[in-house]
Amino acid sequence: MSEVYIRSQNKEKLYRLGGNYACIEYGEHEDIKRKIGGSEADKKRHTICISDGCLEEIGEYESKERCIEIIDEIQGVCGQYLYAAGSKGFIRGIEAMPPMAAVVPRVYQMPEK
């Protein structure tokens, strides 16, 4: 996999997945500040973290399902590349060119919600 740049939800950091960072993962944590009172759902934090051996939070969302959707979007960006089908050289003066694929810089901005 080549590199994908991921901008944190708060826009303060830019990470390079495929460089130092090797993992994106979902995390569910109990929010200590919300522990007293409130419903059980209010006590949970749903986050996406990036890891280079230590986890660093890059976004927080309302549910596990939303986090998984965002991880799916990042996966889609990881698979993008530039493709040209090539040509057979039928036009006079133009040489046949083989198909070509190239990796282009890819950036994913973590959504606000």
PDB file of N, CA and C in Angstrom:
ATOM      1  N   MET A   1       0.843  -1.177   0.000  1.00  0.00           N
ATOM      2  CA  MET A   1       0.000   0.000   0.000  1.00  0.00           C
ATOM      3  C   MET A   1       0.884   1.234   0.000  1.00  0.00           C
ATOM      4  N   SER A   2       0.522   2.176  -0.787  1.00  0.00           N
ATOM      5  CA  SER A   2       1.256   3.430  -0.774  1.00  0.00           C
ATOM      6  C   SER A   2       0.636   4.364   0.267  1.00  0.00           C
ATOM      7  N   GLU A   3       1.173   5.530   0.377  1.00  0.00           N
ATOM      8  CA  GLU A   3       0.788   6.441   1.433  1.00  0.00           C
ATOM      9  C   GLU A   3      -0.554   7.131   1.190  1.00  0.00           C
ATOM     10  N   VAL A   4      -1.290   7.313   2.274  1.00  0.00           N
ATOM     11  CA  VAL A   4      -2.514   8.100   2.285  1.00  0.00           C
ATOM     12  C   VAL A   4      -2.362   9.085   3.436  1.00  0.00           C
ATOM     13  N   TYR A   5      -2.618  10.348   3.162  1.00  0.00           N
ATOM     14  CA  TYR A   5      -2.542  11.369   4.197  1.00  0.00           C
ATOM     15  C   TYR A   5      -3.924  11.549   4.804  1.00  0.00           C
ATOM     16  N   ILE A   6      -3.994  11.537   6.135  1.00  0.00           N
ATOM     17  CA  ILE A   6      -5.262  11.664   6.845  1.00  0.00           C
ATOM     18  C   ILE A   6      -5.187  12.875   7.753  1.00  0.00           C
ATOM     19  N   ARG A   7      -6.118  13.805   7.541  1.00  0.00           N
ATOM     20  CA  ARG A   7      -6.193  15.012   8.365  1.00  0.00           C
ATOM     21  C   ARG A   7      -7.114  14.726   9.533  1.00  0.00           C
ATOM     22  N   SER A   8      -6.703  15.055  10.752  1.00  0.00           N
ATOM     23  CA  SER A   8      -7.509  14.792  11.940  1.00  0.00           C
ATOM     24  C   SER A   8      -8.817  15.576  11.910  1.00  0.00           C
ATOM     25  N   GLN A   9      -9.768  15.123  12.700  1.00  0.00           N
ATOM     26  CA  GLN A   9     -11.081  15.748  12.742  1.00  0.00           C
ATOM     27  C   GLN A   9     -10.988  17.217  13.166  1.00  0.00           C
ATOM     28  N   ASN A  10     -10.091  17.524  14.092  1.00  0.00           N
ATOM     29  CA  ASN A  10      -9.953  18.907  14.543  1.00  0.00           C
ATOM     30  C   ASN A  10      -9.036  19.731  13.639  1.00  0.00           C
ATOM     31  N   LYS A  11      -8.546  19.112  12.560  1.00  0.00           N
ATOM     32  CA  LYS A  11      -7.720  19.748  11.532  1.00  0.00           C
ATOM     33  C   LYS A  11      -6.349  20.208  12.031  1.00  0.00           C
ATOM     34  N   GLU A  12      -5.948  19.765  13.200  1.00  0.00           N
ATOM     35  CA  GLU A  12      -4.683  20.201  13.774  1.00  0.00           C
ATOM     36  C   GLU A  12      -3.501  19.322  13.378  1.00  0.00           C
ATOM     37  N   LYS A  13      -3.765  18.111  12.862  1.00  0.00           N
ATOM     38  CA  LYS A  13      -2.672  17.201  12.526  1.00  0.00           C
ATOM     39  C   LYS A  13      -2.927  16.527  11.185  1.00  0.00           C
ATOM     40  N   LEU A  14      -1.833  16.196  10.510  1.00  0.00           N
ATOM     41  CA  LEU A  14      -1.873  15.453   9.259  1.00  0.00           C
ATOM     42  C   LEU A  14      -1.004  14.212   9.443  1.00  0.00           C
ATOM     43  N   TYR A  15      -1.600  13.040   9.268  1.00  0.00           N
ATOM     44  CA  TYR A  15      -0.910  11.771   9.467  1.00  0.00           C
ATOM     45  C   TYR A  15      -0.627  11.124   8.118  1.00  0.00           C
ATOM     46  N   ARG A  16       0.424  10.338   8.058  1.00  0.00           N
ATOM     47  CA  ARG A  16       0.768   9.626   6.830  1.00  0.00           C
ATOM     48  C   ARG A  16       0.612   8.127   7.078  1.00  0.00           C
ATOM     49  N   LEU A  17      -0.530   7.583   6.649  1.00  0.00           N
ATOM     50  CA  LEU A  17      -0.785   6.154   6.782  1.00  0.00           C
ATOM     51  C   LEU A  17       0.014   5.442   5.699  1.00  0.00           C
ATOM     52  N   GLY A  18       0.801   4.467   6.085  1.00  0.00           N
ATOM     53  CA  GLY A  18       1.674   3.785   5.138  1.00  0.00           C
ATOM     54  C   GLY A  18       3.111   4.232   5.340  1.00  0.00           C
ATOM     55  N   GLY A  19       3.295   5.292   6.078  1.00  0.00           N
ATOM     56  CA  GLY A  19       4.630   5.759   6.458  1.00  0.00           C
ATOM     57  C   GLY A  19       4.918   5.199   7.835  1.00  0.00           C
ATOM     58  N   ASN A  20       4.903   6.059   8.834  1.00  0.00           N
ATOM     59  CA  ASN A  20       5.127   5.610  10.209  1.00  0.00           C
ATOM     60  C   ASN A  20       3.903   4.915  10.788  1.00  0.00           C
ATOM     61  N   TYR A  21       2.709   5.316  10.322  1.00  0.00           N
ATOM     62  CA  TYR A  21       1.483   4.760  10.878  1.00  0.00           C
ATOM     63  C   TYR A  21       1.029   3.561  10.058  1.00  0.00           C
ATOM     64  N   ALA A  22       0.682   2.484  10.766  1.00  0.00           N
ATOM     65  CA  ALA A  22       0.368   1.242  10.071  1.00  0.00           C
ATOM     66  C   ALA A  22      -1.058   0.752  10.309  1.00  0.00           C
ATOM     67  N   CYS A  23      -1.815   1.432  11.158  1.00  0.00           N
ATOM     68  CA  CYS A  23      -3.114   0.880  11.537  1.00  0.00           C
ATOM     69  C   CYS A  23      -4.117   1.989  11.812  1.00  0.00           C
ATOM     70  N   ILE A  24      -5.352   1.779  11.351  1.00  0.00           N
ATOM     71  CA  ILE A  24      -6.503   2.608  11.712  1.00  0.00           C
ATOM     72  C   ILE A  24      -7.467   1.677  12.430  1.00  0.00           C
ATOM     73  N   GLU A  25      -7.969   2.084  13.592  1.00  0.00           N
ATOM     74  CA  GLU A  25      -8.875   1.190  14.300  1.00  0.00           C
ATOM     75  C   GLU A  25      -9.963   1.938  15.061  1.00  0.00           C
ATOM     76  N   TYR A  26     -11.065   1.230  15.270  1.00  0.00           N
ATOM     77  CA  TYR A  26     -12.188   1.734  16.041  1.00  0.00           C
ATOM     78  C   TYR A  26     -11.920   1.475  17.510  1.00  0.00           C
ATOM     79  N   GLY A  27     -12.334   2.399  18.361  1.00  0.00           N
ATOM     80  CA  GLY A  27     -12.218   2.204  19.796  1.00  0.00           C
ATOM     81  C   GLY A  27     -13.470   2.679  20.499  1.00  0.00           C
ATOM     82  N   GLU A  28     -13.907   1.928  21.494  1.00  0.00           N
ATOM     83  CA  GLU A  28     -15.046   2.325  22.325  1.00  0.00           C
ATOM     84  C   GLU A  28     -14.522   2.477  23.745  1.00  0.00           C
ATOM     85  N   HIS A  29     -14.740   3.652  24.319  1.00  0.00           N
ATOM     86  CA  HIS A  29     -14.198   3.947  25.642  1.00  0.00           C
ATOM     87  C   HIS A  29     -15.288   4.508  26.534  1.00  0.00           C
ATOM     88  N   GLU A  30     -15.142   4.254  27.814  1.00  0.00           N
ATOM     89  CA  GLU A  30     -16.073   4.830  28.773  1.00  0.00           C
ATOM     90  C   GLU A  30     -15.617   6.248  29.081  1.00  0.00           C
ATOM     91  N   ASP A  31     -16.542   7.191  28.998  1.00  0.00           N
ATOM     92  CA  ASP A  31     -16.227   8.588  29.267  1.00  0.00           C
ATOM     93  C   ASP A  31     -16.380   8.838  30.762  1.00  0.00           C
ATOM     94  N   ILE A  32     -15.283   9.028  31.439  1.00  0.00           N
ATOM     95  CA  ILE A  32     -15.288   9.201  32.894  1.00  0.00           C
ATOM     96  C   ILE A  32     -16.065  10.451  33.294  1.00  0.00           C
ATOM     97  N   LYS A  33     -15.984  11.506  32.491  1.00  0.00           N
ATOM     98  CA  LYS A  33     -16.686  12.756  32.808  1.00  0.00           C
ATOM     99  C   LYS A  33     -18.197  12.577  32.788  1.00  0.00           C
ATOM    100  N   ARG A  34     -18.688  11.653  31.963  1.00  0.00           N
ATOM    101  CA  ARG A  34     -20.136  11.425  31.848  1.00  0.00           C
ATOM    102  C   ARG A  34     -20.602  10.233  32.674  1.00  0.00           C
ATOM    103  N   LYS A  35     -19.720   9.655  33.482  1.00  0.00           N
ATOM    104  CA  LYS A  35     -20.027   8.415  34.193  1.00  0.00           C
ATOM    105  C   LYS A  35     -21.166   8.583  35.204  1.00  0.00           C
ATOM    106  N   ILE A  36     -21.221   9.711  35.865  1.00  0.00           N
ATOM    107  CA  ILE A  36     -22.255   9.932  36.866  1.00  0.00           C
ATOM    108  C   ILE A  36     -23.510  10.446  36.170  1.00  0.00           C
ATOM    109  N   GLY A  37     -24.623   9.742  36.329  1.00  0.00           N
ATOM    110  CA  GLY A  37     -25.887  10.144  35.714  1.00  0.00           C
ATOM    111  C   GLY A  37     -25.883   9.872  34.226  1.00  0.00           C
ATOM    112  N   GLY A  38     -26.984  10.163  33.577  1.00  0.00           N
ATOM    113  CA  GLY A  38     -27.083   9.965  32.133  1.00  0.00           C
ATOM    114  C   GLY A  38     -27.330   8.512  31.776  1.00  0.00           C
ATOM    115  N   SER A  39     -27.666   8.282  30.528  1.00  0.00           N
ATOM    116  CA  SER A  39     -27.935   6.927  30.063  1.00  0.00           C
ATOM    117  C   SER A  39     -26.630   6.192  29.771  1.00  0.00           C
ATOM    118  N   GLU A  40     -26.738   4.900  29.572  1.00  0.00           N
ATOM    119  CA  GLU A  40     -25.554   4.073  29.262  1.00  0.00           C
ATOM    120  C   GLU A  40     -24.894   4.523  27.970  1.00  0.00           C
ATOM    121  N   ALA A  41     -25.706   4.915  26.966  1.00  0.00           N
ATOM    122  CA  ALA A  41     -25.170   5.378  25.676  1.00  0.00           C
ATOM    123  C   ALA A  41     -24.364   6.658  25.834  1.00  0.00           C
ATOM    124  N   ASP A  42     -24.767   7.522  26.774  1.00  0.00           N
ATOM    125  CA  ASP A  42     -24.047   8.772  27.003  1.00  0.00           C
ATOM    126  C   ASP A  42     -22.666   8.537  27.604  1.00  0.00           C
ATOM    127  N   LYS A  43     -22.455   7.388  28.195  1.00  0.00           N
ATOM    128  CA  LYS A  43     -21.191   7.094  28.859  1.00  0.00           C
ATOM    129  C   LYS A  43     -20.127   6.560  27.898  1.00  0.00           C
ATOM    130  N   LYS A  44     -20.488   6.285  26.651  1.00  0.00           N
ATOM    131  CA  LYS A  44     -19.561   5.693  25.691  1.00  0.00           C
ATOM    132  C   LYS A  44     -19.024   6.743  24.729  1.00  0.00           C
ATOM    133  N   ARG A  45     -17.748   6.625  24.411  1.00  0.00           N
ATOM    134  CA  ARG A  45     -17.119   7.444  23.366  1.00  0.00           C
ATOM    135  C   ARG A  45     -16.730   6.505  22.241  1.00  0.00           C
ATOM    136  N   HIS A  46     -17.080   6.868  20.997  1.00  0.00           N
ATOM    137  CA  HIS A  46     -16.757   6.068  19.824  1.00  0.00           C
ATOM    138  C   HIS A  46     -15.700   6.837  19.036  1.00  0.00           C
ATOM    139  N   THR A  47     -14.509   6.263  18.945  1.00  0.00           N
ATOM    140  CA  THR A  47     -13.388   6.978  18.335  1.00  0.00           C
ATOM    141  C   THR A  47     -12.728   6.165  17.233  1.00  0.00           C
ATOM    142  N   ILE A  48     -12.000   6.875  16.372  1.00  0.00           N
ATOM    143  CA  ILE A  48     -11.122   6.251  15.391  1.00  0.00           C
ATOM    144  C   ILE A  48      -9.716   6.679  15.769  1.00  0.00           C
ATOM    145  N   CYS A  49      -8.831   5.700  15.832  1.00  0.00           N
ATOM    146  CA  CYS A  49      -7.450   5.957  16.218  1.00  0.00           C
ATOM    147  C   CYS A  49      -6.506   5.503  15.117  1.00  0.00           C
ATOM    148  N   ILE A  50      -5.355   6.145  15.066  1.00  0.00           N
ATOM    149  CA  ILE A  50      -4.285   5.755  14.159  1.00  0.00           C
ATOM    150  C   ILE A  50      -3.133   5.292  15.040  1.00  0.00           C
ATOM    151  N   SER A  51      -2.383   4.307  14.578  1.00  0.00           N
ATOM    152  CA  SER A  51      -1.377   3.704  15.441  1.00  0.00           C
ATOM    153  C   SER A  51      -0.036   3.537  14.750  1.00  0.00           C
ATOM    154  N   ASP A  52       1.012   3.829  15.498  1.00  0.00           N
ATOM    155  CA  ASP A  52       2.376   3.517  15.105  1.00  0.00           C
ATOM    156  C   ASP A  52       3.025   2.714  16.227  1.00  0.00           C
ATOM    157  N   GLY A  53       2.222   1.984  16.960  1.00  0.00           N
ATOM    158  CA  GLY A  53       2.643   1.281  18.159  1.00  0.00           C
ATOM    159  C   GLY A  53       1.917   1.864  19.361  1.00  0.00           C
ATOM    160  N   CYS A  54       1.618   3.153  19.310  1.00  0.00           N
ATOM    161  CA  CYS A  54       0.804   3.853  20.303  1.00  0.00           C
ATOM    162  C   CYS A  54      -0.419   4.413  19.587  1.00  0.00           C
ATOM    163  N   LEU A  55      -1.564   4.305  20.224  1.00  0.00           N
ATOM    164  CA  LEU A  55      -2.797   4.817  19.607  1.00  0.00           C
ATOM    165  C   LEU A  55      -2.896   6.325  19.792  1.00  0.00           C
ATOM    166  N   GLU A  56      -3.333   7.000  18.735  1.00  0.00           N
ATOM    167  CA  GLU A  56      -3.602   8.432  18.800  1.00  0.00           C
ATOM    168  C   GLU A  56      -4.976   8.661  18.180  1.00  0.00           C
ATOM    169  N   GLU A  57      -5.853   9.319  18.930  1.00  0.00           N
ATOM    170  CA  GLU A  57      -7.224   9.563  18.475  1.00  0.00           C
ATOM    171  C   GLU A  57      -7.231  10.613  17.364  1.00  0.00           C
ATOM    172  N   ILE A  58      -7.929  10.287  16.251  1.00  0.00           N
ATOM    173  CA  ILE A  58      -8.017  11.247  15.145  1.00  0.00           C
ATOM    174  C   ILE A  58      -9.435  11.702  14.873  1.00  0.00           C
ATOM    175  N   GLY A  59     -10.422  11.099  15.548  1.00  0.00           N
ATOM    176  CA  GLY A  59     -11.802  11.518  15.371  1.00  0.00           C
ATOM    177  C   GLY A  59     -12.719  10.832  16.361  1.00  0.00           C
ATOM    178  N   GLU A  60     -13.813  11.515  16.714  1.00  0.00           N
ATOM    179  CA  GLU A  60     -14.836  10.948  17.604  1.00  0.00           C
ATOM    180  C   GLU A  60     -16.191  11.125  16.942  1.00  0.00           C
ATOM    181  N   TYR A  61     -17.024  10.058  16.979  1.00  0.00           N
ATOM    182  CA  TYR A  61     -18.316  10.069  16.306  1.00  0.00           C
ATOM    183  C   TYR A  61     -19.394   9.518  17.209  1.00  0.00           C
ATOM    184  N   GLU A  62     -20.658   9.640  16.766  1.00  0.00           N
ATOM    185  CA  GLU A  62     -21.799   9.326  17.620  1.00  0.00           C
ATOM    186  C   GLU A  62     -22.029   7.836  17.818  1.00  0.00           C
ATOM    187  N   SER A  63     -21.506   6.981  16.935  1.00  0.00           N
ATOM    188  CA  SER A  63     -21.782   5.545  17.069  1.00  0.00           C
ATOM    189  C   SER A  63     -20.656   4.707  16.449  1.00  0.00           C
ATOM    190  N   LYS A  64     -20.679   3.433  16.809  1.00  0.00           N
ATOM    191  CA  LYS A  64     -19.736   2.489  16.221  1.00  0.00           C
ATOM    192  C   LYS A  64     -19.972   2.381  14.718  1.00  0.00           C
ATOM    193  N   GLU A  65     -21.230   2.369  14.305  1.00  0.00           N
ATOM    194  CA  GLU A  65     -21.565   2.233  12.888  1.00  0.00           C
ATOM    195  C   GLU A  65     -20.974   3.379  12.068  1.00  0.00           C
ATOM    196  N   ARG A  66     -21.049   4.613  12.600  1.00  0.00           N
ATOM    197  CA  ARG A  66     -20.488   5.759  11.881  1.00  0.00           C
ATOM    198  C   ARG A  66     -18.973   5.624  11.775  1.00  0.00           C
ATOM    199  N   CYS A  67     -18.326   5.169  12.820  1.00  0.00           N
ATOM    200  CA  CYS A  67     -16.866   4.964  12.786  1.00  0.00           C
ATOM    201  C   CYS A  67     -16.492   3.945  11.714  1.00  0.00           C
ATOM    202  N   ILE A  68     -17.245   2.857  11.628  1.00  0.00           N
ATOM    203  CA  ILE A  68     -16.972   1.824  10.627  1.00  0.00           C
ATOM    204  C   ILE A  68     -17.171   2.381   9.219  1.00  0.00           C
ATOM    205  N   GLU A  69     -18.205   3.229   9.008  1.00  0.00           N
ATOM    206  CA  GLU A  69     -18.407   3.874   7.701  1.00  0.00           C
ATOM    207  C   GLU A  69     -17.184   4.707   7.307  1.00  0.00           C
ATOM    208  N   ILE A  70     -16.641   5.428   8.254  1.00  0.00           N
ATOM    209  CA  ILE A  70     -15.475   6.275   7.971  1.00  0.00           C
ATOM    210  C   ILE A  70     -14.253   5.416   7.667  1.00  0.00           C
ATOM    211  N   ILE A  71     -14.070   4.335   8.394  1.00  0.00           N
ATOM    212  CA  ILE A  71     -12.957   3.425   8.106  1.00  0.00           C
ATOM    213  C   ILE A  71     -13.122   2.834   6.706  1.00  0.00           C
ATOM    214  N   ASP A  72     -14.353   2.527   6.303  1.00  0.00           N
ATOM    215  CA  ASP A  72     -14.619   2.051   4.940  1.00  0.00           C
ATOM    216  C   ASP A  72     -14.238   3.101   3.902  1.00  0.00           C
ATOM    217  N   GLU A  73     -14.544   4.380   4.186  1.00  0.00           N
ATOM    218  CA  GLU A  73     -14.174   5.462   3.271  1.00  0.00           C
ATOM    219  C   GLU A  73     -12.653   5.576   3.141  1.00  0.00           C
ATOM    220  N   ILE A  74     -11.951   5.455   4.254  1.00  0.00           N
ATOM    221  CA  ILE A  74     -10.484   5.502   4.220  1.00  0.00           C
ATOM    222  C   ILE A  74      -9.945   4.338   3.399  1.00  0.00           C
ATOM    223  N   GLN A  75     -10.541   3.162   3.556  1.00  0.00           N
ATOM    224  CA  GLN A  75     -10.143   1.999   2.766  1.00  0.00           C
ATOM    225  C   GLN A  75     -10.307   2.279   1.280  1.00  0.00           C
ATOM    226  N   GLY A  76     -11.401   2.927   0.904  1.00  0.00           N
ATOM    227  CA  GLY A  76     -11.628   3.277  -0.505  1.00  0.00           C
ATOM    228  C   GLY A  76     -10.571   4.219  -1.039  1.00  0.00           C
ATOM    229  N   VAL A  77     -10.166   5.185  -0.223  1.00  0.00           N
ATOM    230  CA  VAL A  77      -9.116   6.124  -0.636  1.00  0.00           C
ATOM    231  C   VAL A  77      -7.784   5.387  -0.800  1.00  0.00           C
ATOM    232  N   CYS A  78      -7.524   4.415   0.059  1.00  0.00           N
ATOM    233  CA  CYS A  78      -6.264   3.649  -0.022  1.00  0.00           C
ATOM    234  C   CYS A  78      -6.137   2.911  -1.358  1.00  0.00           C
ATOM    235  N   GLY A  79      -7.254   2.511  -1.955  1.00  0.00           N
ATOM    236  CA  GLY A  79      -7.228   1.746  -3.199  1.00  0.00           C
ATOM    237  C   GLY A  79      -7.266   2.591  -4.456  1.00  0.00           C
ATOM    238  N   GLN A  80      -7.272   3.898  -4.337  1.00  0.00           N
ATOM    239  CA  GLN A  80      -7.357   4.754  -5.525  1.00  0.00           C
ATOM    240  C   GLN A  80      -6.002   4.881  -6.217  1.00  0.00           C
ATOM    241  N   TYR A  81      -6.045   4.916  -7.525  1.00  0.00           N
ATOM    242  CA  TYR A  81      -4.852   5.158  -8.327  1.00  0.00           C
ATOM    243  C   TYR A  81      -5.285   5.734  -9.667  1.00  0.00           C
ATOM    244  N   LEU A  82      -4.337   6.265 -10.387  1.00  0.00           N
ATOM    245  CA  LEU A  82      -4.597   6.830 -11.704  1.00  0.00           C
ATOM    246  C   LEU A  82      -4.357   5.738 -12.738  1.00  0.00           C
ATOM    247  N   TYR A  83      -5.324   5.519 -13.630  1.00  0.00           N
ATOM    248  CA  TYR A  83      -5.207   4.458 -14.628  1.00  0.00           C
ATOM    249  C   TYR A  83      -5.436   5.031 -16.026  1.00  0.00           C
ATOM    250  N   ALA A  84      -4.604   4.634 -16.951  1.00  0.00           N
ATOM    251  CA  ALA A  84      -4.782   4.979 -18.365  1.00  0.00           C
ATOM    252  C   ALA A  84      -4.764   3.679 -19.153  1.00  0.00           C
ATOM    253  N   ALA A  85      -5.769   3.480 -19.990  1.00  0.00           N
ATOM    254  CA  ALA A  85      -5.920   2.220 -20.713  1.00  0.00           C
ATOM    255  C   ALA A  85      -4.852   2.011 -21.787  1.00  0.00           C
ATOM    256  N   GLY A  86      -4.174   3.071 -22.183  1.00  0.00           N
ATOM    257  CA  GLY A  86      -3.195   2.933 -23.258  1.00  0.00           C
ATOM    258  C   GLY A  86      -3.877   3.045 -24.607  1.00  0.00           C
ATOM    259  N   SER A  87      -3.123   2.808 -25.652  1.00  0.00           N
ATOM    260  CA  SER A  87      -3.694   2.870 -27.001  1.00  0.00           C
ATOM    261  C   SER A  87      -3.018   1.836 -27.881  1.00  0.00           C
ATOM    262  N   LYS A  88      -3.690   1.482 -28.949  1.00  0.00           N
ATOM    263  CA  LYS A  88      -3.144   0.484 -29.882  1.00  0.00           C
ATOM    264  C   LYS A  88      -2.327   1.142 -30.987  1.00  0.00           C
ATOM    265  N   GLY A  89      -2.334   2.464 -31.049  1.00  0.00           N
ATOM    266  CA  GLY A  89      -1.550   3.164 -32.052  1.00  0.00           C
ATOM    267  C   GLY A  89      -2.162   3.125 -33.444  1.00  0.00           C
ATOM    268  N   PHE A  90      -3.501   3.126 -33.538  1.00  0.00           N
ATOM    269  CA  PHE A  90      -4.160   3.072 -34.839  1.00  0.00           C
ATOM    270  C   PHE A  90      -4.027   4.372 -35.634  1.00  0.00           C
ATOM    271  N   ILE A  91      -3.877   5.470 -34.932  1.00  0.00           N
ATOM    272  CA  ILE A  91      -3.769   6.751 -35.623  1.00  0.00           C
ATOM    273  C   ILE A  91      -2.346   6.892 -36.161  1.00  0.00           C
ATOM    274  N   ARG A  92      -2.230   7.335 -37.394  1.00  0.00           N
ATOM    275  CA  ARG A  92      -0.932   7.461 -38.037  1.00  0.00           C
ATOM    276  C   ARG A  92      -0.021   8.404 -37.245  1.00  0.00           C
ATOM    277  N   GLY A  93       1.185   7.946 -36.987  1.00  0.00           N
ATOM    278  CA  GLY A  93       2.172   8.757 -36.281  1.00  0.00           C
ATOM    279  C   GLY A  93       2.148   8.611 -34.771  1.00  0.00           C
ATOM    280  N   ILE A  94       1.228   7.820 -34.262  1.00  0.00           N
ATOM    281  CA  ILE A  94       1.154   7.637 -32.807  1.00  0.00           C
ATOM    282  C   ILE A  94       1.557   6.201 -32.490  1.00  0.00           C
ATOM    283  N   GLU A  95       2.500   6.066 -31.575  1.00  0.00           N
ATOM    284  CA  GLU A  95       2.957   4.735 -31.180  1.00  0.00           C
ATOM    285  C   GLU A  95       1.953   4.091 -30.234  1.00  0.00           C
ATOM    286  N   ALA A  96       1.922   2.760 -30.254  1.00  0.00           N
ATOM    287  CA  ALA A  96       1.092   2.023 -29.301  1.00  0.00           C
ATOM    288  C   ALA A  96       1.657   2.262 -27.898  1.00  0.00           C
ATOM    289  N   MET A  97       0.754   2.450 -26.935  1.00  0.00           N
ATOM    290  CA  MET A  97       1.177   2.660 -25.548  1.00  0.00           C
ATOM    291  C   MET A  97       0.492   1.623 -24.669  1.00  0.00           C
ATOM    292  N   PRO A  98       1.250   0.982 -23.794  1.00  0.00           N
ATOM    293  CA  PRO A  98       0.649  -0.012 -22.905  1.00  0.00           C
ATOM    294  C   PRO A  98      -0.192   0.673 -21.823  1.00  0.00           C
ATOM    295  N   PRO A  99      -1.088  -0.093 -21.192  1.00  0.00           N
ATOM    296  CA  PRO A  99      -1.836   0.458 -20.063  1.00  0.00           C
ATOM    297  C   PRO A  99      -0.873   0.909 -18.959  1.00  0.00           C
ATOM    298  N   MET A 100      -1.308   1.874 -18.177  1.00  0.00           N
ATOM    299  CA  MET A 100      -0.449   2.416 -17.145  1.00  0.00           C
ATOM    300  C   MET A 100      -1.272   2.689 -15.890  1.00  0.00           C
ATOM    301  N   ALA A 101      -0.695   2.434 -14.759  1.00  0.00           N
ATOM    302  CA  ALA A 101      -1.311   2.785 -13.477  1.00  0.00           C
ATOM    303  C   ALA A 101      -0.268   3.510 -12.650  1.00  0.00           C
ATOM    304  N   ALA A 102      -0.697   4.563 -11.968  1.00  0.00           N
ATOM    305  CA  ALA A 102       0.227   5.341 -11.146  1.00  0.00           C
ATOM    306  C   ALA A 102      -0.460   5.710  -9.838  1.00  0.00           C
ATOM    307  N   VAL A 103       0.329   5.764  -8.810  1.00  0.00           N
ATOM    308  CA  VAL A 103      -0.164   6.186  -7.513  1.00  0.00           C
ATOM    309  C   VAL A 103      -0.101   7.707  -7.466  1.00  0.00           C
ATOM    310  N   VAL A 104      -1.190   8.315  -7.056  1.00  0.00           N
ATOM    311  CA  VAL A 104      -1.243   9.768  -6.914  1.00  0.00           C
ATOM    312  C   VAL A 104      -1.394  10.094  -5.433  1.00  0.00           C
ATOM    313  N   PRO A 105      -0.978  11.268  -5.008  1.00  0.00           N
ATOM    314  CA  PRO A 105      -1.163  11.615  -3.593  1.00  0.00           C
ATOM    315  C   PRO A 105      -2.637  11.571  -3.219  1.00  0.00           C
ATOM    316  N   ARG A 106      -2.933  10.947  -2.096  1.00  0.00           N
ATOM    317  CA  ARG A 106      -4.314  10.824  -1.644  1.00  0.00           C
ATOM    318  C   ARG A 106      -4.440  11.421  -0.251  1.00  0.00           C
ATOM    319  N   VAL A 107      -5.468  12.214  -0.052  1.00  0.00           N
ATOM    320  CA  VAL A 107      -5.711  12.856   1.240  1.00  0.00           C
ATOM    321  C   VAL A 107      -7.136  12.554   1.670  1.00  0.00           C
ATOM    322  N   TYR A 108      -7.305  12.194   2.929  1.00  0.00           N
ATOM    323  CA  TYR A 108      -8.639  11.964   3.489  1.00  0.00           C
ATOM    324  C   TYR A 108      -8.833  12.919   4.654  1.00  0.00           C
ATOM    325  N   GLN A 109      -9.882  13.722   4.601  1.00  0.00           N
ATOM    326  CA  GLN A 109     -10.231  14.644   5.690  1.00  0.00           C
ATOM    327  C   GLN A 109     -11.264  13.962   6.583  1.00  0.00           C
ATOM    328  N   MET A 110     -10.958  13.787   7.857  1.00  0.00           N
ATOM    329  CA  MET A 110     -11.909  13.197   8.791  1.00  0.00           C
ATOM    330  C   MET A 110     -13.142  14.085   8.868  1.00  0.00           C
ATOM    331  N   PRO A 111     -14.365  13.526   8.677  1.00  0.00           N
ATOM    332  CA  PRO A 111     -15.591  14.332   8.712  1.00  0.00           C
ATOM    333  C   PRO A 111     -15.869  14.906  10.105  1.00  0.00           C
ATOM    334  N   GLU A 112     -16.582  16.016  10.125  1.00  0.00           N
ATOM    335  CA  GLU A 112     -16.976  16.637  11.403  1.00  0.00           C
ATOM    336  C   GLU A 112     -17.931  15.734  12.176  1.00  0.00           C
ATOM    337  N   LYS A 113     -18.922  15.185  11.465  1.00  0.00           N
ATOM    338  CA  LYS A 113     -19.931  14.332  12.138  1.00  0.00           C
ATOM    339  C   LYS A 113     -20.028  12.992  11.463  1.00  0.00           C
TER     340      LYS A 113
END
